[in-house]
C-alpha atoms as a PDB file:
ATOM      1  CA  MET A   1     -12.091 -21.037  16.918  1.00  0.00           C
ATOM      2  CA  THR A   2     -11.855 -22.434  13.379  1.00  0.00           C
ATOM      3  CA  ARG A   3      -9.085 -20.601  11.221  1.00  0.00           C
ATOM      4  CA  SER A   4      -9.753 -19.780   7.562  1.00  0.00           C
ATOM      5  CA  SER A   5      -8.258 -17.721   5.145  1.00  0.00           C
ATOM      6  CA  GLU A   6     -11.136 -15.247   4.884  1.00  0.00           C
ATOM      7  CA  ARG A   7     -13.863 -14.493   7.518  1.00  0.00           C
ATOM      8  CA  ARG A   8     -16.810 -12.487   7.738  1.00  0.00           C
ATOM      9  CA  THR A   9     -17.675 -10.197  10.989  1.00  0.00           C
ATOM     10  CA  ASP A  10     -19.377 -12.915  12.675  1.00  0.00           C
ATOM     11  CA  GLY A  11     -17.123 -15.347  14.356  1.00  0.00           C
ATOM     12  CA  VAL A  12     -14.037 -12.875  14.733  1.00  0.00           C
ATOM     13  CA  ALA A  13     -12.410 -12.907  18.011  1.00  0.00           C
ATOM     14  CA  ASP A  14     -12.664  -9.917  20.317  1.00  0.00           C
ATOM     15  CA  ALA A  15      -8.985  -9.377  20.850  1.00  0.00           C
ATOM     16  CA  TYR A  16      -5.628 -10.069  18.730  1.00  0.00           C
ATOM     17  CA  ASP A  17      -1.940  -9.126  19.481  1.00  0.00           C
ATOM     18  CA  VAL A  18      -2.150  -7.438  16.024  1.00  0.00           C
ATOM     19  CA  VAL A  19      -4.843  -5.793  13.602  1.00  0.00           C
ATOM     20  CA  VAL A  20      -3.410  -5.096  10.229  1.00  0.00           C
ATOM     21  CA  VAL A  21      -5.506  -2.801   8.307  1.00  0.00           C
ATOM     22  CA  GLY A  22      -5.275  -3.681   4.823  1.00  0.00           C
ATOM     23  CA  GLY A  23      -4.562  -6.926   2.857  1.00  0.00           C
ATOM     24  CA  GLY A  24      -2.087  -6.129   0.230  1.00  0.00           C
ATOM     25  CA  ALA A  25       1.611  -7.356  -0.113  1.00  0.00           C
ATOM     26  CA  GLY A  26       2.682  -4.935   2.835  1.00  0.00           C
ATOM     27  CA  GLY A  27      -0.003  -6.151   5.042  1.00  0.00           C
ATOM     28  CA  MET A  28      -0.006  -9.686   4.495  1.00  0.00           C
ATOM     29  CA  ALA A  29       3.882  -9.846   4.690  1.00  0.00           C
ATOM     30  CA  ALA A  30       3.571  -8.321   8.194  1.00  0.00           C
ATOM     31  CA  ALA A  31       0.830 -11.003   9.067  1.00  0.00           C
ATOM     32  CA  LEU A  32       2.853 -13.792   7.757  1.00  0.00           C
ATOM     33  CA  VAL A  33       5.877 -12.926   9.921  1.00  0.00           C
ATOM     34  CA  LEU A  34       3.811 -12.401  12.832  1.00  0.00           C
ATOM     35  CA  GLY A  35       1.741 -15.463  12.479  1.00  0.00           C
ATOM     36  CA  ARG A  36       5.219 -17.417  12.269  1.00  0.00           C
ATOM     37  CA  VAL A  37       6.132 -16.180  15.777  1.00  0.00           C
ATOM     38  CA  ARG A  38       2.787 -17.261  17.015  1.00  0.00           C
ATOM     39  CA  ARG A  39       1.035 -13.946  17.418  1.00  0.00           C
ATOM     40  CA  SER A  40      -2.568 -13.685  16.929  1.00  0.00           C
ATOM     41  CA  VAL A  41      -3.296 -11.650  13.808  1.00  0.00           C
ATOM     42  CA  LEU A  42      -6.373 -10.328  12.163  1.00  0.00           C
ATOM     43  CA  VAL A  43      -6.118  -8.609   8.701  1.00  0.00           C
ATOM     44  CA  VAL A  44      -8.911  -6.513   7.743  1.00  0.00           C
ATOM     45  CA  ASP A  45      -9.134  -5.933   4.149  1.00  0.00           C
ATOM     46  CA  ALA A  46     -11.583  -3.759   1.990  1.00  0.00           C
ATOM     47  CA  GLY A  47     -10.804  -5.856  -1.354  1.00  0.00           C
ATOM     48  CA  GLU A  48      -9.666  -3.114  -3.211  1.00  0.00           C
ATOM     49  CA  PRO A  49      -6.194  -3.303  -4.205  1.00  0.00           C
ATOM     50  CA  ARG A  50      -4.401  -0.331  -6.009  1.00  0.00           C
ATOM     51  CA  ASN A  51      -3.007  -2.831  -8.641  1.00  0.00           C
ATOM     52  CA  ALA A  52      -6.573  -4.495  -9.373  1.00  0.00           C
ATOM     53  CA  PRO A  53      -6.865  -3.304 -12.898  1.00  0.00           C
ATOM     54  CA  ALA A  54      -3.315  -4.699 -14.075  1.00  0.00           C
ATOM     55  CA  ALA A  55      -3.466  -8.109 -15.450  1.00  0.00           C
ATOM     56  CA  HIS A  56      -0.102  -8.768 -13.899  1.00  0.00           C
ATOM     57  CA  MET A  57       2.791  -7.482 -11.769  1.00  0.00           C
ATOM     58  CA  GLN A  58       6.508  -7.373 -12.660  1.00  0.00           C
ATOM     59  CA  GLY A  59       9.677  -6.805 -10.788  1.00  0.00           C
ATOM     60  CA  TYR A  60       8.977  -9.424  -7.816  1.00  0.00           C
ATOM     61  CA  PRO A  61      11.637 -12.228  -8.136  1.00  0.00           C
ATOM     62  CA  SER A  62       9.933 -15.702  -8.637  1.00  0.00           C
ATOM     63  CA  ARG A  63       6.704 -14.019  -8.985  1.00  0.00           C
ATOM     64  CA  ASP A  64       7.261 -11.846 -12.184  1.00  0.00           C
ATOM     65  CA  GLY A  65       4.354 -11.723 -14.415  1.00  0.00           C
ATOM     66  CA  MET A  66       1.783 -13.092 -11.979  1.00  0.00           C
ATOM     67  CA  PRO A  67      -1.535 -11.607 -11.619  1.00  0.00           C
ATOM     68  CA  PRO A  68      -2.213  -9.695  -8.675  1.00  0.00           C
ATOM     69  CA  GLY A  69      -5.357 -11.350  -7.605  1.00  0.00           C
ATOM     70  CA  GLU A  70      -3.521 -14.770  -7.746  1.00  0.00           C
ATOM     71  CA  PHE A  71      -0.444 -13.492  -5.837  1.00  0.00           C
ATOM     72  CA  LEU A  72      -2.708 -12.243  -3.130  1.00  0.00           C
ATOM     73  CA  ALA A  73      -4.939 -15.627  -2.946  1.00  0.00           C
ATOM     74  CA  VAL A  74      -1.532 -17.340  -2.461  1.00  0.00           C
ATOM     75  CA  VAL A  75      -0.279 -15.202   0.356  1.00  0.00           C
ATOM     76  CA  ARG A  76      -3.737 -15.332   2.134  1.00  0.00           C
ATOM     77  CA  ALA A  77      -3.329 -19.064   2.291  1.00  0.00           C
ATOM     78  CA  GLU A  78      -0.079 -18.758   3.737  1.00  0.00           C
ATOM     79  CA  VAL A  79      -1.192 -16.561   6.475  1.00  0.00           C
ATOM     80  CA  ALA A  80      -4.024 -18.687   7.295  1.00  0.00           C
ATOM     81  CA  GLY A  81      -1.465 -21.662   7.291  1.00  0.00           C
ATOM     82  CA  TYR A  82       0.015 -19.963  10.670  1.00  0.00           C
ATOM     83  CA  GLY A  83      -3.272 -19.205  12.160  1.00  0.00           C
ATOM     84  CA  GLY A  84      -3.874 -15.789  10.662  1.00  0.00           C
ATOM     85  CA  GLU A  85      -7.256 -14.405   9.776  1.00  0.00           C
ATOM     86  CA  VAL A  86      -8.266 -12.223   6.837  1.00  0.00           C
ATOM     87  CA  LEU A  87     -11.754 -10.414   7.263  1.00  0.00           C
ATOM     88  CA  ARG A  88     -13.394  -8.648   4.276  1.00  0.00           C
ATOM     89  CA  ASP A  89     -14.287  -5.183   5.713  1.00  0.00           C
ATOM     90  CA  THR A  90     -13.087  -1.786   6.173  1.00  0.00           C
ATOM     91  CA  VAL A  91     -11.713  -0.368   9.308  1.00  0.00           C
ATOM     92  CA  THR A  92     -13.414   3.233  10.106  1.00  0.00           C
ATOM     93  CA  GLU A  93     -11.646   4.083  13.002  1.00  0.00           C
ATOM     94  CA  VAL A  94      -8.472   2.987  15.395  1.00  0.00           C
ATOM     95  CA  VAL A  95      -9.312   4.170  18.749  1.00  0.00           C
ATOM     96  CA  PRO A  96      -6.558   4.379  21.558  1.00  0.00           C
ATOM     97  CA  ASP A  97      -7.892   2.791  24.696  1.00  0.00           C
ATOM     98  CA  GLY A  98      -5.595   4.835  27.171  1.00  0.00           C
ATOM     99  CA  THR A  99      -3.370   1.620  27.891  1.00  0.00           C
ATOM    100  CA  GLY A 100      -1.168   1.779  24.759  1.00  0.00           C
ATOM    101  CA  GLU A 101      -3.681  -0.691  23.091  1.00  0.00           C
ATOM    102  CA  PHE A 102      -6.496  -0.064  20.573  1.00  0.00           C
ATOM    103  CA  ASP A 103     -10.036  -0.602  19.752  1.00  0.00           C
ATOM    104  CA  VAL A 104     -10.514  -1.231  16.067  1.00  0.00           C
ATOM    105  CA  VAL A 105     -13.897  -0.050  14.719  1.00  0.00           C
ATOM    106  CA  LEU A 106     -15.321  -1.767  11.498  1.00  0.00           C
ATOM    107  CA  ALA A 107     -17.713  -0.713   9.077  1.00  0.00           C
ATOM    108  CA  GLY A 108     -19.732  -3.985   9.217  1.00  0.00           C
ATOM    109  CA  GLY A 109     -20.580  -3.070  12.899  1.00  0.00           C
ATOM    110  CA  GLY A 110     -18.161  -4.871  14.702  1.00  0.00           C
ATOM    111  CA  ARG A 111     -15.249  -4.057  17.103  1.00  0.00           C
ATOM    112  CA  VAL A 112     -12.005  -5.742  17.842  1.00  0.00           C
ATOM    113  CA  HIS A 113      -9.363  -4.907  20.299  1.00  0.00           C
ATOM    114  CA  ALA A 114      -5.629  -5.065  19.129  1.00  0.00           C
ATOM    115  CA  ARG A 115      -2.323  -4.333  21.041  1.00  0.00           C
ATOM    116  CA  ARG A 116      -0.609  -3.308  18.113  1.00  0.00           C
ATOM    117  CA  VAL A 117      -1.920  -1.895  14.773  1.00  0.00           C
ATOM    118  CA  VAL A 118      -0.004  -2.060  11.168  1.00  0.00           C
ATOM    119  CA  VAL A 119      -1.744   0.131   8.554  1.00  0.00           C
ATOM    120  CA  ALA A 120      -1.337  -0.933   5.076  1.00  0.00           C
ATOM    121  CA  THR A 121      -4.227   0.723   3.092  1.00  0.00           C
ATOM    122  CA  GLY A 122      -2.307   1.651   0.022  1.00  0.00           C
ATOM    123  CA  LEU A 123      -3.250   4.683  -1.975  1.00  0.00           C
ATOM    124  CA  VAL A 124      -5.656   5.986  -4.569  1.00  0.00           C
ATOM    125  CA  ASP A 125      -4.592   6.961  -8.045  1.00  0.00           C
ATOM    126  CA  GLU A 126      -6.418   9.842  -9.223  1.00  0.00           C
ATOM    127  CA  LEU A 127      -6.481  10.156 -12.944  1.00  0.00           C
ATOM    128  CA  PRO A 128      -6.437  12.858 -15.397  1.00  0.00           C
ATOM    129  CA  GLU A 129      -9.774  13.723 -16.592  1.00  0.00           C
ATOM    130  CA  LEU A 130      -9.382  12.953 -20.524  1.00  0.00           C
ATOM    131  CA  PRO A 131     -11.855  10.783 -22.037  1.00  0.00           C
ATOM    132  CA  GLY A 132     -10.822   7.238 -22.334  1.00  0.00           C
ATOM    133  CA  VAL A 133      -7.881   7.195 -19.698  1.00  0.00           C
ATOM    134  CA  ALA A 134     -10.043   5.682 -16.812  1.00  0.00           C
ATOM    135  CA  GLU A 135     -11.289   3.087 -18.951  1.00  0.00           C
ATOM    136  CA  ARG A 136      -8.056   1.939 -20.237  1.00  0.00           C
ATOM    137  CA  TRP A 137      -6.074   2.481 -16.893  1.00  0.00           C
ATOM    138  CA  GLY A 138      -4.220  -0.675 -16.163  1.00  0.00           C
ATOM    139  CA  ARG A 139      -4.333  -1.849 -19.579  1.00  0.00           C
ATOM    140  CA  GLU A 140      -2.702   0.384 -22.271  1.00  0.00           C
ATOM    141  CA  VAL A 141      -2.896   3.479 -20.262  1.00  0.00           C
ATOM    142  CA  LEU A 142       0.192   3.404 -17.707  1.00  0.00           C
ATOM    143  CA  HIS A 143       2.253   5.601 -15.582  1.00  0.00           C
ATOM    144  CA  CYS A 144       5.512   3.222 -14.547  1.00  0.00           C
ATOM    145  CA  PRO A 145       8.228   1.849 -16.885  1.00  0.00           C
ATOM    146  CA  TYR A 146       9.483  -0.556 -14.307  1.00  0.00           C
ATOM    147  CA  CYS A 147       5.778  -1.901 -13.977  1.00  0.00           C
ATOM    148  CA  HIS A 148       4.693  -2.133 -17.538  1.00  0.00           C
ATOM    149  CA  GLY A 149       7.251  -0.793 -19.843  1.00  0.00           C
ATOM    150  CA  TRP A 150       8.396  -4.033 -21.133  1.00  0.00           C
ATOM    151  CA  GLU A 151       5.071  -5.088 -22.412  1.00  0.00           C
ATOM    152  CA  VAL A 152       4.621  -2.040 -24.393  1.00  0.00           C
ATOM    153  CA  ARG A 153       8.390  -1.907 -25.758  1.00  0.00           C
ATOM    154  CA  ASP A 154       8.970  -0.921 -29.440  1.00  0.00           C
ATOM    155  CA  GLY A 155       5.095   0.392 -29.617  1.00  0.00           C
ATOM    156  CA  ARG A 156       4.143   3.875 -30.424  1.00  0.00           C
ATOM    157  CA  ILE A 157       3.994   5.565 -26.800  1.00  0.00           C
ATOM    158  CA  GLY A 158       2.177   8.445 -25.987  1.00  0.00           C
ATOM    159  CA  VAL A 159       3.107  10.593 -22.871  1.00  0.00           C
ATOM    160  CA  LEU A 160       0.806  13.254 -21.476  1.00  0.00           C
ATOM    161  CA  TYR A 161       2.782  16.154 -20.255  1.00  0.00           C
ATOM    162  CA  ARG A 162       2.199  17.768 -17.034  1.00  0.00           C
ATOM    163  CA  ALA A 163       4.132  20.594 -15.483  1.00  0.00           C
ATOM    164  CA  GLU A 164       4.652  19.028 -12.134  1.00  0.00           C
ATOM    165  CA  ALA A 165       5.756  15.805 -13.624  1.00  0.00           C
ATOM    166  CA  GLY A 166       8.022  17.424 -16.297  1.00  0.00           C
ATOM    167  CA  VAL A 167       9.403  15.098 -19.144  1.00  0.00           C
ATOM    168  CA  HIS A 168      10.590  12.437 -16.663  1.00  0.00           C
ATOM    169  CA  GLN A 169       8.336   9.716 -17.887  1.00  0.00           C
ATOM    170  CA  ALA A 170       8.703  10.477 -21.701  1.00  0.00           C
ATOM    171  CA  LEU A 171      12.652  10.079 -21.058  1.00  0.00           C
ATOM    172  CA  LEU A 172      12.025   6.749 -19.261  1.00  0.00           C
ATOM    173  CA  PHE A 173       9.955   5.383 -21.881  1.00  0.00           C
ATOM    174  CA  SER A 174      12.212   6.390 -24.612  1.00  0.00           C
ATOM    175  CA  GLN A 175      14.546   3.635 -23.245  1.00  0.00           C
ATOM    176  CA  LEU A 176      11.856   1.215 -24.449  1.00  0.00           C
ATOM    177  CA  SER A 177      10.880   2.863 -27.746  1.00  0.00           C
ATOM    178  CA  SER A 178      12.045   4.792 -30.528  1.00  0.00           C
ATOM    179  CA  GLU A 179       8.446   6.112 -31.108  1.00  0.00           C
ATOM    180  CA  VAL A 180       7.569   8.245 -28.117  1.00  0.00           C
ATOM    181  CA  THR A 181       5.423  11.172 -28.225  1.00  0.00           C
ATOM    182  CA  LEU A 182       4.810  13.799 -25.577  1.00  0.00           C
ATOM    183  CA  PHE A 183       1.515  15.257 -25.997  1.00  0.00           C
ATOM    184  CA  LEU A 184       1.723  18.954 -24.471  1.00  0.00           C
ATOM    185  CA  ASP A 185      -2.009  19.283 -24.259  1.00  0.00           C
ATOM    186  CA  GLY A 186      -1.839  23.041 -24.955  1.00  0.00           C
ATOM    187  CA  ALA A 187       1.182  23.467 -22.183  1.00  0.00           C
ATOM    188  CA  GLU A 188       4.359  25.277 -22.965  1.00  0.00           C
ATOM    189  CA  LEU A 189       7.512  23.280 -22.734  1.00  0.00           C
ATOM    190  CA  PRO A 190      10.457  24.965 -20.718  1.00  0.00           C
ATOM    191  CA  GLY A 191      13.501  25.246 -23.049  1.00  0.00           C
ATOM    192  CA  GLU A 192      15.536  22.748 -20.913  1.00  0.00           C
ATOM    193  CA  GLU A 193      13.132  20.208 -21.018  1.00  0.00           C
ATOM    194  CA  ARG A 194      12.668  20.625 -24.962  1.00  0.00           C
ATOM    195  CA  GLU A 195      16.426  20.021 -25.177  1.00  0.00           C
ATOM    196  CA  LEU A 196      16.271  16.758 -23.069  1.00  0.00           C
ATOM    197  CA  ILE A 197      13.477  15.223 -25.024  1.00  0.00           C
ATOM    198  CA  ALA A 198      15.223  16.244 -28.426  1.00  0.00           C
ATOM    199  CA  ALA A 199      18.230  14.457 -27.098  1.00  0.00           C
ATOM    200  CA  ALA A 200      16.403  11.397 -26.306  1.00  0.00           C
ATOM    201  CA  GLY A 201      14.495  11.367 -29.778  1.00  0.00           C
ATOM    202  CA  VAL A 202      11.088  12.044 -28.197  1.00  0.00           C
ATOM    203  CA  ARG A 203       8.687  14.260 -30.236  1.00  0.00           C
ATOM    204  CA  ALA A 204       6.559  16.869 -28.949  1.00  0.00           C
ATOM    205  CA  VAL A 205       2.929  17.868 -30.049  1.00  0.00           C
ATOM    206  CA  ALA A 206       1.333  21.324 -28.793  1.00  0.00           C
ATOM    207  CA  GLY A 207      -2.334  20.711 -29.285  1.00  0.00           C
ATOM    208  CA  LYS A 208      -5.099  20.326 -26.734  1.00  0.00           C
ATOM    209  CA  LEU A 209      -6.116  16.693 -26.451  1.00  0.00           C
ATOM    210  CA  ALA A 210      -9.838  15.607 -26.956  1.00  0.00           C
ATOM    211  CA  GLY A 211      -9.352  12.048 -25.807  1.00  0.00           C
ATOM    212  CA  LEU A 212      -8.170   8.484 -26.755  1.00  0.00           C
ATOM    213  CA  VAL A 213      -9.281   6.318 -29.554  1.00  0.00           C
ATOM    214  CA  VAL A 214     -10.191   3.006 -28.882  1.00  0.00           C
ATOM    215  CA  GLU A 215     -11.068   0.408 -31.620  1.00  0.00           C
ATOM    216  CA  ASP A 216     -12.012  -3.328 -31.147  1.00  0.00           C
ATOM    217  CA  ASP A 217     -11.224  -2.906 -27.444  1.00  0.00           C
ATOM    218  CA  ARG A 218      -7.724  -1.828 -27.680  1.00  0.00           C
ATOM    219  CA  LEU A 219      -6.191   1.594 -27.804  1.00  0.00           C
ATOM    220  CA  THR A 220      -5.070   2.962 -31.264  1.00  0.00           C
ATOM    221  CA  GLY A 221      -4.579   6.507 -31.031  1.00  0.00           C
ATOM    222  CA  VAL A 222      -4.677   9.856 -29.289  1.00  0.00           C
ATOM    223  CA  ARG A 223      -6.995  12.420 -30.761  1.00  0.00           C
ATOM    224  CA  LEU A 224      -6.344  16.199 -30.566  1.00  0.00           C
ATOM    225  CA  ALA A 225      -9.248  18.978 -30.263  1.00  0.00           C
ATOM    226  CA  ASP A 226      -8.804  19.720 -33.834  1.00  0.00           C
ATOM    227  CA  GLY A 227      -9.551  16.242 -34.771  1.00  0.00           C
ATOM    228  CA  GLU A 228      -5.972  15.133 -35.784  1.00  0.00           C
ATOM    229  CA  VAL A 229      -5.311  11.706 -34.684  1.00  0.00           C
ATOM    230  CA  HIS A 230      -1.673  10.285 -33.635  1.00  0.00           C
ATOM    231  CA  GLU A 231      -1.226   6.669 -33.683  1.00  0.00           C
ATOM    232  CA  ALA A 232      -0.502   5.316 -30.327  1.00  0.00           C
ATOM    233  CA  SER A 233      -0.636   1.657 -28.690  1.00  0.00           C
ATOM    234  CA  ALA A 234       0.085   2.919 -25.117  1.00  0.00           C
ATOM    235  CA  PHE A 235      -0.542   6.101 -23.349  1.00  0.00           C
ATOM    236  CA  VAL A 236       1.283   7.116 -20.022  1.00  0.00           C
ATOM    237  CA  VAL A 237      -0.065   9.635 -17.480  1.00  0.00           C
ATOM    238  CA  ALA A 238       1.061  10.847 -14.245  1.00  0.00           C
ATOM    239  CA  PRO A 239      -1.624  10.171 -11.688  1.00  0.00           C
ATOM    240  CA  ARG A 240      -2.106  12.081  -8.359  1.00  0.00           C
ATOM    241  CA  MET A 241      -1.287   9.723  -5.942  1.00  0.00           C
ATOM    242  CA  VAL A 242      -3.467   9.975  -2.591  1.00  0.00           C
ATOM    243  CA  PRO A 243      -2.607   7.821   0.366  1.00  0.00           C
ATOM    244  CA  ARG A 244      -5.667   6.066   2.070  1.00  0.00           C
ATOM    245  CA  ASP A 245      -4.712   7.381   5.505  1.00  0.00           C
ATOM    246  CA  GLY A 246      -7.729   8.357   7.082  1.00  0.00           C
ATOM    247  CA  VAL A 247      -7.311   6.383  10.297  1.00  0.00           C
ATOM    248  CA  LEU A 248      -3.651   7.695  10.438  1.00  0.00           C
ATOM    249  CA  THR A 249      -4.884  11.197  10.086  1.00  0.00           C
ATOM    250  CA  ALA A 250      -7.538  10.855  12.839  1.00  0.00           C
ATOM    251  CA  LEU A 251      -4.554   9.642  15.190  1.00  0.00           C
ATOM    252  CA  GLY A 252      -2.532  12.803  14.335  1.00  0.00           C
ATOM    253  CA  VAL A 253       0.291  11.107  12.873  1.00  0.00           C
ATOM    254  CA  ARG A 254       3.129  13.314  11.657  1.00  0.00           C
ATOM    255  CA  THR A 255       3.322  13.785   7.802  1.00  0.00           C
ATOM    256  CA  GLN A 256       6.235  14.662   5.509  1.00  0.00           C
ATOM    257  CA  GLU A 257       6.375  16.241   1.860  1.00  0.00           C
ATOM    258  CA  THR A 258       7.508  14.014  -0.813  1.00  0.00           C
ATOM    259  CA  PRO A 259       7.748  14.728  -4.676  1.00  0.00           C
ATOM    260  CA  ALA A 260       4.525  12.780  -5.143  1.00  0.00           C
ATOM    261  CA  GLY A 261       2.682  14.499  -2.124  1.00  0.00           C
ATOM    262  CA  THR A 262       2.126  14.301   1.583  1.00  0.00           C
ATOM    263  CA  PHE A 263       2.516  11.250   3.221  1.00  0.00           C
ATOM    264  CA  PRO A 264       2.751   9.803   6.801  1.00  0.00           C
ATOM    265  CA  GLN A 265       6.174   9.839   8.169  1.00  0.00           C
ATOM    266  CA  VAL A 266       7.636   6.500   9.470  1.00  0.00           C
ATOM    267  CA  ASP A 267      11.098   5.221  10.692  1.00  0.00           C
ATOM    268  CA  PRO A 268      12.999   2.528   8.873  1.00  0.00           C
ATOM    269  CA  THR A 269      10.516  -0.165  10.541  1.00  0.00           C
ATOM    270  CA  GLY A 270       7.456   1.594   9.653  1.00  0.00           C
ATOM    271  CA  LEU A 271       6.715   2.966  12.966  1.00  0.00           C
ATOM    272  CA  THR A 272       4.607   6.218  13.011  1.00  0.00           C
ATOM    273  CA  SER A 273       4.512   9.184  15.407  1.00  0.00           C
ATOM    274  CA  PHE A 274       1.828   7.487  17.322  1.00  0.00           C
ATOM    275  CA  PRO A 275       3.182   4.562  19.715  1.00  0.00           C
ATOM    276  CA  GLY A 276       1.920   1.120  18.719  1.00  0.00           C
ATOM    277  CA  VAL A 277       0.928   1.982  15.149  1.00  0.00           C
ATOM    278  CA  TRP A 278       3.073   1.221  12.116  1.00  0.00           C
ATOM    279  CA  ALA A 279       2.505   2.097   8.418  1.00  0.00           C
ATOM    280  CA  VAL A 280       3.795   0.265   5.408  1.00  0.00           C
ATOM    281  CA  GLY A 281       3.596   0.111   1.697  1.00  0.00           C
ATOM    282  CA  ASN A 282       1.832   2.617  -0.496  1.00  0.00           C
ATOM    283  CA  ALA A 283       0.361   4.148   2.516  1.00  0.00           C
ATOM    284  CA  THR A 284       3.738   5.645   3.269  1.00  0.00           C
ATOM    285  CA  GLY A 285       4.996   6.403  -0.266  1.00  0.00           C
ATOM    286  CA  ALA A 286       4.108   6.338  -3.933  1.00  0.00           C
ATOM    287  CA  ALA A 287       7.222   4.069  -4.853  1.00  0.00           C
ATOM    288  CA  GLU A 288       6.502   1.294  -2.714  1.00  0.00           C
ATOM    289  CA  GLN A 289       6.001  -1.318  -5.377  1.00  0.00           C
ATOM    290  CA  VAL A 290       4.778  -4.639  -4.598  1.00  0.00           C
ATOM    291  CA  VAL A 291       8.256  -6.082  -3.770  1.00  0.00           C
ATOM    292  CA  ASN A 292       9.048  -3.130  -1.719  1.00  0.00           C
ATOM    293  CA  ALA A 293       5.716  -3.132   0.252  1.00  0.00           C
ATOM    294  CA  ALA A 294       6.401  -6.811   0.914  1.00  0.00           C
ATOM    295  CA  GLY A 295       9.940  -5.964   2.580  1.00  0.00           C
ATOM    296  CA  ALA A 296       8.314  -3.143   4.542  1.00  0.00           C
ATOM    297  CA  GLY A 297       5.734  -5.229   5.896  1.00  0.00           C
ATOM    298  CA  TYR A 298       8.389  -8.069   6.851  1.00  0.00           C
ATOM    299  CA  ARG A 299      10.352  -5.259   8.589  1.00  0.00           C
ATOM    300  CA  ALA A 300       7.277  -3.961  10.368  1.00  0.00           C
ATOM    301  CA  GLY A 301       6.246  -7.451  11.535  1.00  0.00           C
ATOM    302  CA  THR A 302       9.573  -8.255  13.236  1.00  0.00           C
ATOM    303  CA  ALA A 303       9.473  -4.656  14.957  1.00  0.00           C
ATOM    304  CA  VAL A 304       5.838  -5.228  16.067  1.00  0.00           C
ATOM    305  CA  ASN A 305       6.797  -8.464  17.611  1.00  0.00           C
ATOM    306  CA  MET A 306       9.753  -7.107  19.319  1.00  0.00           C
ATOM    307  CA  SER A 307       7.507  -4.156  20.826  1.00  0.00           C
ATOM    308  CA  LEU A 308       5.044  -7.020  22.321  1.00  0.00           C
ATOM    309  CA  LEU A 309       7.898  -9.026  23.668  1.00  0.00           C
ATOM    310  CA  GLU A 310       9.200  -6.202  25.416  1.00  0.00           C
ATOM    311  CA  ALA A 311       5.777  -5.347  26.706  1.00  0.00           C
ATOM    312  CA  ASP A 312       5.211  -9.025  27.682  1.00  0.00           C
ATOM    313  CA  LEU A 313       8.508  -8.942  29.468  1.00  0.00           C
ATOM    314  CA  ALA A 314       7.895  -5.686  31.548  1.00  0.00           C
ATOM    315  CA  VAL A 315       4.627  -7.154  32.807  1.00  0.00           C
ATOM    316  CA  SER A 316       6.301 -10.748  33.686  1.00  0.00           C
ATOM    317  CA  ARG A 317       8.890  -8.531  35.622  1.00  0.00           C
ATOM    318  CA  GLN A 318       6.307  -6.482  37.562  1.00  0.00           C
ATOM    319  CA  ARG A 319       4.386  -9.604  38.602  1.00  0.00           C
ATOM    320  CA  ALA A 320       7.743 -11.289  39.882  1.00  0.00           C
ATOM    321  CA  GLU A 321       8.439  -7.880  41.765  1.00  0.00           C
ATOM    322  CA  PHE A 322       5.233  -7.876  43.370  1.00  0.00           C
ATOM    323  CA  ALA A 323       5.122 -11.303  44.162  1.00  0.00           C
ATOM    324  CA  SER A 324       8.591 -11.102  45.798  1.00  0.00           C
ATOM    325  CA  ALA A 325       7.700  -8.054  47.601  1.00  0.00           C
ATOM    326  CA  GLY A 326       4.318  -9.759  48.853  1.00  0.00           C
ATOM    327  CA  ALA A 327       6.226 -12.773  50.063  1.00  0.00           C
ATOM    328  CA  GLY A 328       8.777 -10.569  51.890  1.00  0.00           C
ATOM    329  CA  SER A 329       6.212  -8.696  53.962  1.00  0.00           C
ATOM    330  CA  GLY A 330       3.966 -11.922  54.676  1.00  0.00           C
ATOM    331  CA  TYR A 331       1.304 -11.254  51.914  1.00  0.00           C
ATOM    332  CA  GLY A 332       0.802 -12.967  48.716  1.00  0.00           C
ATOM    333  CA  SER A 333       2.035 -16.466  49.455  1.00  0.00           C
ATOM    334  CA  GLY A 334      -0.198 -17.322  52.486  1.00  0.00           C
ATOM    335  CA  SER A 335       2.926 -18.667  54.174  1.00  0.00           C
ATOM    336  CA  GLY A 336       2.880 -15.907  56.705  1.00  0.00           C
ATOM    337  CA  SER A 337      -0.974 -16.156  57.645  1.00  0.00           C
ATOM    338  CA  GLY A 338      -2.916 -18.817  59.496  1.00  0.00           C
ATOM    339  CA  GLY A 339      -1.416 -21.017  62.307  1.00  0.00           C
ATOM    340  CA  ALA A 340      -2.753 -22.127  65.572  1.00  0.00           C
END
């Protein structure tokens, strides 16, 4: 079968050693490792990466500032170089076949068999319902100082307060600018938090918000409900981070509570509570940046390969034992049958 960096449902094989669900950094790293040890790998990617709105990614040594789309194109080519395949489709279900392996059902109508599965489906950022936030998300509307803070340094940075997130973001962004304003949006700020932002030089504004002000396709301010506008060149929000874990939930994998919500529980290699299924990247936690996800994918890939190797060796031993037993009883080799 001809290999390519991206394939459609037609032409895909019926069975693979591993199907990777999701083609971000974590999934592609797992596919790369597995391809290099000659495992057959199919990556099924819906083409909806979390960082698609961002013009650049940061904190990845040697790739700092690289556009996410360019990064993924390079990785896809690397995976293809080792025989891996990438299919643009969506996995709707992972069905155990009763033997410890799986049938993977595709939205496009296909179905492939996998001995092992790696889920790297990421998460969805549910944004505050404030006019202008969704439209500027990934541009001037941000959430992470490590991802985008350097790019907005020394600017007028507004931070939307949410009780569940506290003043954490305002304190972090105060390292990057002396002009940080915390917009309370009508909330009451606890005394301890008020003392913290005062110590950090962060100003608090109490009024309810009406939305963001955009002029000439750039953020210029934050408008209060009473019409007052505060200048801002960046606006920081705390999205609700929801894992795309539908296939894992259907398998009944165990979950755990984290500060960012409920996520699948995995061991250090990414193995879930369901044998034969690993999960990596933002599907397992909110803090998995691109570099973290890639590392998790690498670890999962090596663990998956070892799992397959152990299974292969167990089958080889069983065959050898069967052949030996057959030879000893006069069956199997043919040496005890026939004759004059």
